[in-house]
Structures are given as structure tokens and as C-alpha cells.
Amino acid sequence: MDRDHHDPRGVLPSHSVLVLAILVMSAPAWSLGVGRPQAASSLGQPLNLLFPVQLNPGESLTPDCVRAEVSAGENPLSASGLHWQIEGDAGRPTGVRLR
């Protein structure tokens, strides 16, 4: 019996390997600093990651600058099942949360 499957509710099996990439797509954000992700979930629970960001003076982070790709093992998860938000003050974002 093959147990390596994706749960459509967004819960990952505990033995799956999670690969996450947040890509910044706009030219002004090329110098954006992205810190080590902080997990608020563990294997077998719904995904909940916070990626700290550091912006230089004059830079901005808008929703159209962020894209996330997540895989459970070899299986990419549907982008429609991912939810993310920019956290922090409107003029000073501190991170991107991915769920």
C-alpha cells in the first residue's frame, strides 16, 4: 500500500519532505533579505511558516512581488491551496507567512 500521498486538506504526511521556495519577482526587490523560515507547525500538521524579510531603505514589498512553490516529496502542491500574507506594518513589512 502506497502511503506517500497528499492530503487535500493541506496536511502533510509526517514522512514527507517539504521543500519551500519563496521567489521575489520584481526588480526593486532583488536585494531583499529573506531569513531562515520559522515553522509554527510540525510534520503531519498544516503548513505554517514565517519567512522574515529585511528591506533596505526605499524598498517595498507588495503582494505581486511574492510567489511560493511547495512540494511534499516529489509532489508539488497546488498553488490554489496555499495562502500567504505579508506581516508587519504597511510601510515596514517584517515577514511573509505561508499556510
C-alpha atoms as a PDB file:
ATOM      1  CA  MET A   1       0.000   0.000   0.000  1.00  0.00           C
ATOM      2  CA  ASP A   2       1.424   3.370  -1.004  1.00  0.00           C
ATOM      3  CA  ARG A   3       1.216   5.753   1.947  1.00  0.00           C
ATOM      4  CA  ASP A   4       3.058   8.693   0.374  1.00  0.00           C
ATOM      5  CA  HIS A   5       0.134  10.864  -0.652  1.00  0.00           C
ATOM      6  CA  HIS A   6      -1.036  14.448  -0.370  1.00  0.00           C
ATOM      7  CA  ASP A   7      -3.954  15.120   1.931  1.00  0.00           C
ATOM      8  CA  PRO A   8      -6.227  17.593   0.097  1.00  0.00           C
ATOM      9  CA  ARG A   9      -6.867  19.461   3.370  1.00  0.00           C
ATOM     10  CA  GLY A  10      -3.280  20.711   3.315  1.00  0.00           C
ATOM     11  CA  VAL A  11      -1.972  18.322   5.979  1.00  0.00           C
ATOM     12  CA  LEU A  12       1.335  16.738   5.008  1.00  0.00           C
ATOM     13  CA  PRO A  13       2.161  13.144   5.940  1.00  0.00           C
ATOM     14  CA  SER A  14       4.812  13.016   8.661  1.00  0.00           C
ATOM     15  CA  HIS A  15       7.332  11.213   6.431  1.00  0.00           C
ATOM     16  CA  SER A  16       7.081  13.664   3.546  1.00  0.00           C
ATOM     17  CA  VAL A  17       9.869  16.042   2.746  1.00  0.00           C
ATOM     18  CA  LEU A  18       8.736  19.620   2.431  1.00  0.00           C
ATOM     19  CA  VAL A  19      10.531  21.901   0.033  1.00  0.00           C
ATOM     20  CA  LEU A  20       9.610  25.548   0.010  1.00  0.00           C
ATOM     21  CA  ALA A  21      10.816  28.424  -2.104  1.00  0.00           C
ATOM     22  CA  ILE A  22       9.661  31.999  -1.965  1.00  0.00           C
ATOM     23  CA  LEU A  23      10.691  33.855  -5.075  1.00  0.00           C
ATOM     24  CA  VAL A  24      10.744  37.585  -5.364  1.00  0.00           C
ATOM     25  CA  MET A  25       9.683  38.610  -8.835  1.00  0.00           C
ATOM     26  CA  SER A  26      10.144  42.391  -9.107  1.00  0.00           C
ATOM     27  CA  ALA A  27      13.384  44.211  -9.917  1.00  0.00           C
ATOM     28  CA  PRO A  28      13.360  46.558  -6.881  1.00  0.00           C
ATOM     29  CA  ALA A  29      13.322  43.565  -4.535  1.00  0.00           C
ATOM     30  CA  TRP A  30      16.466  41.845  -5.828  1.00  0.00           C
ATOM     31  CA  SER A  31      18.343  42.940  -2.702  1.00  0.00           C
ATOM     32  CA  LEU A  32      15.566  41.756  -0.392  1.00  0.00           C
ATOM     33  CA  GLY A  33      16.935  39.777   2.538  1.00  0.00           C
ATOM     34  CA  VAL A  34      14.965  36.635   3.367  1.00  0.00           C
ATOM     35  CA  GLY A  35      15.762  34.973   6.685  1.00  0.00           C
ATOM     36  CA  ARG A  36      15.548  31.345   7.762  1.00  0.00           C
ATOM     37  CA  PRO A  37      11.907  30.171   7.873  1.00  0.00           C
ATOM     38  CA  GLN A  38      10.324  29.887  11.304  1.00  0.00           C
ATOM     39  CA  ALA A  39       7.990  26.886  11.490  1.00  0.00           C
ATOM     40  CA  ALA A  40       4.832  27.207  13.573  1.00  0.00           C
ATOM     41  CA  SER A  41       3.834  23.669  12.571  1.00  0.00           C
ATOM     42  CA  SER A  42       5.480  20.276  12.527  1.00  0.00           C
ATOM     43  CA  LEU A  43       5.306  17.302  10.190  1.00  0.00           C
ATOM     44  CA  GLY A  44       1.795  15.918   9.944  1.00  0.00           C
ATOM     45  CA  GLN A  45       0.230  19.331  10.674  1.00  0.00           C
ATOM     46  CA  PRO A  46      -0.969  22.005   8.250  1.00  0.00           C
ATOM     47  CA  LEU A  47       1.848  24.129   6.867  1.00  0.00           C
ATOM     48  CA  ASN A  48       2.522  27.372   8.781  1.00  0.00           C
ATOM     49  CA  LEU A  49       5.851  29.096   8.036  1.00  0.00           C
ATOM     50  CA  LEU A  50       7.073  32.632   8.599  1.00  0.00           C
ATOM     51  CA  PHE A  51       9.896  33.952   6.406  1.00  0.00           C
ATOM     52  CA  PRO A  52      11.451  37.065   7.981  1.00  0.00           C
ATOM     53  CA  VAL A  53      12.293  39.774   5.440  1.00  0.00           C
ATOM     54  CA  GLN A  54      14.690  42.701   5.627  1.00  0.00           C
ATOM     55  CA  LEU A  55      14.199  45.628   3.294  1.00  0.00           C
ATOM     56  CA  ASN A  56      16.727  48.339   2.553  1.00  0.00           C
ATOM     57  CA  PRO A  57      15.598  51.974   2.850  1.00  0.00           C
ATOM     58  CA  GLY A  58      13.379  52.912  -0.074  1.00  0.00           C
ATOM     59  CA  GLU A  59      12.441  49.308  -0.909  1.00  0.00           C
ATOM     60  CA  SER A  60       8.921  47.947  -0.690  1.00  0.00           C
ATOM     61  CA  LEU A  61       7.317  44.531  -0.665  1.00  0.00           C
ATOM     62  CA  THR A  62       3.945  44.202  -2.355  1.00  0.00           C
ATOM     63  CA  PRO A  63       1.761  41.126  -2.886  1.00  0.00           C
ATOM     64  CA  ASP A  64       2.663  40.929  -6.585  1.00  0.00           C
ATOM     65  CA  CYS A  65       6.348  40.520  -5.577  1.00  0.00           C
ATOM     66  CA  VAL A  66       5.797  37.191  -3.803  1.00  0.00           C
ATOM     67  CA  ARG A  67       5.324  33.708  -5.210  1.00  0.00           C
ATOM     68  CA  ALA A  68       5.536  30.426  -3.324  1.00  0.00           C
ATOM     69  CA  GLU A  69       6.136  26.899  -4.600  1.00  0.00           C
ATOM     70  CA  VAL A  70       5.725  23.996  -2.175  1.00  0.00           C
ATOM     71  CA  SER A  71       6.372  20.293  -2.722  1.00  0.00           C
ATOM     72  CA  ALA A  72       5.667  17.315  -0.482  1.00  0.00           C
ATOM     73  CA  GLY A  73       8.354  14.878  -1.540  1.00  0.00           C
ATOM     74  CA  GLU A  74       8.187  14.746  -5.337  1.00  0.00           C
ATOM     75  CA  ASN A  75       4.615  16.072  -5.447  1.00  0.00           C
ATOM     76  CA  PRO A  76       4.107  19.808  -5.974  1.00  0.00           C
ATOM     77  CA  LEU A  77       1.170  21.237  -4.030  1.00  0.00           C
ATOM     78  CA  SER A  78      -1.435  23.246  -5.887  1.00  0.00           C
ATOM     79  CA  ALA A  79      -0.912  26.998  -5.643  1.00  0.00           C
ATOM     80  CA  SER A  80      -4.656  27.384  -5.056  1.00  0.00           C
ATOM     81  CA  GLY A  81      -4.254  25.516  -1.751  1.00  0.00           C
ATOM     82  CA  LEU A  82      -1.528  27.877  -0.496  1.00  0.00           C
ATOM     83  CA  HIS A  83      -2.299  31.055   1.392  1.00  0.00           C
ATOM     84  CA  TRP A  84       0.271  33.686   2.241  1.00  0.00           C
ATOM     85  CA  GLN A  85       0.254  37.164   3.687  1.00  0.00           C
ATOM     86  CA  ILE A  86       2.743  39.934   4.275  1.00  0.00           C
ATOM     87  CA  GLU A  87       3.087  40.617   8.013  1.00  0.00           C
ATOM     88  CA  GLY A  88       4.155  43.775   9.823  1.00  0.00           C
ATOM     89  CA  ASP A  89       3.208  47.404   9.405  1.00  0.00           C
ATOM     90  CA  ALA A  90       2.019  48.565   5.991  1.00  0.00           C
ATOM     91  CA  GLY A  91       5.140  50.667   5.454  1.00  0.00           C
ATOM     92  CA  ARG A  92       7.528  48.229   7.146  1.00  0.00           C
ATOM     93  CA  PRO A  93       6.875  44.530   6.441  1.00  0.00           C
ATOM     94  CA  THR A  94       8.666  42.082   8.736  1.00  0.00           C
ATOM     95  CA  GLY A  95       7.841  38.760   7.097  1.00  0.00           C
ATOM     96  CA  VAL A  96       5.822  36.604   4.743  1.00  0.00           C
ATOM     97  CA  ARG A  97       3.634  33.911   6.336  1.00  0.00           C
ATOM     98  CA  LEU A  98       2.803  30.851   4.254  1.00  0.00           C
ATOM     99  CA  ARG A  99      -0.045  28.492   5.144  1.00  0.00           C
END
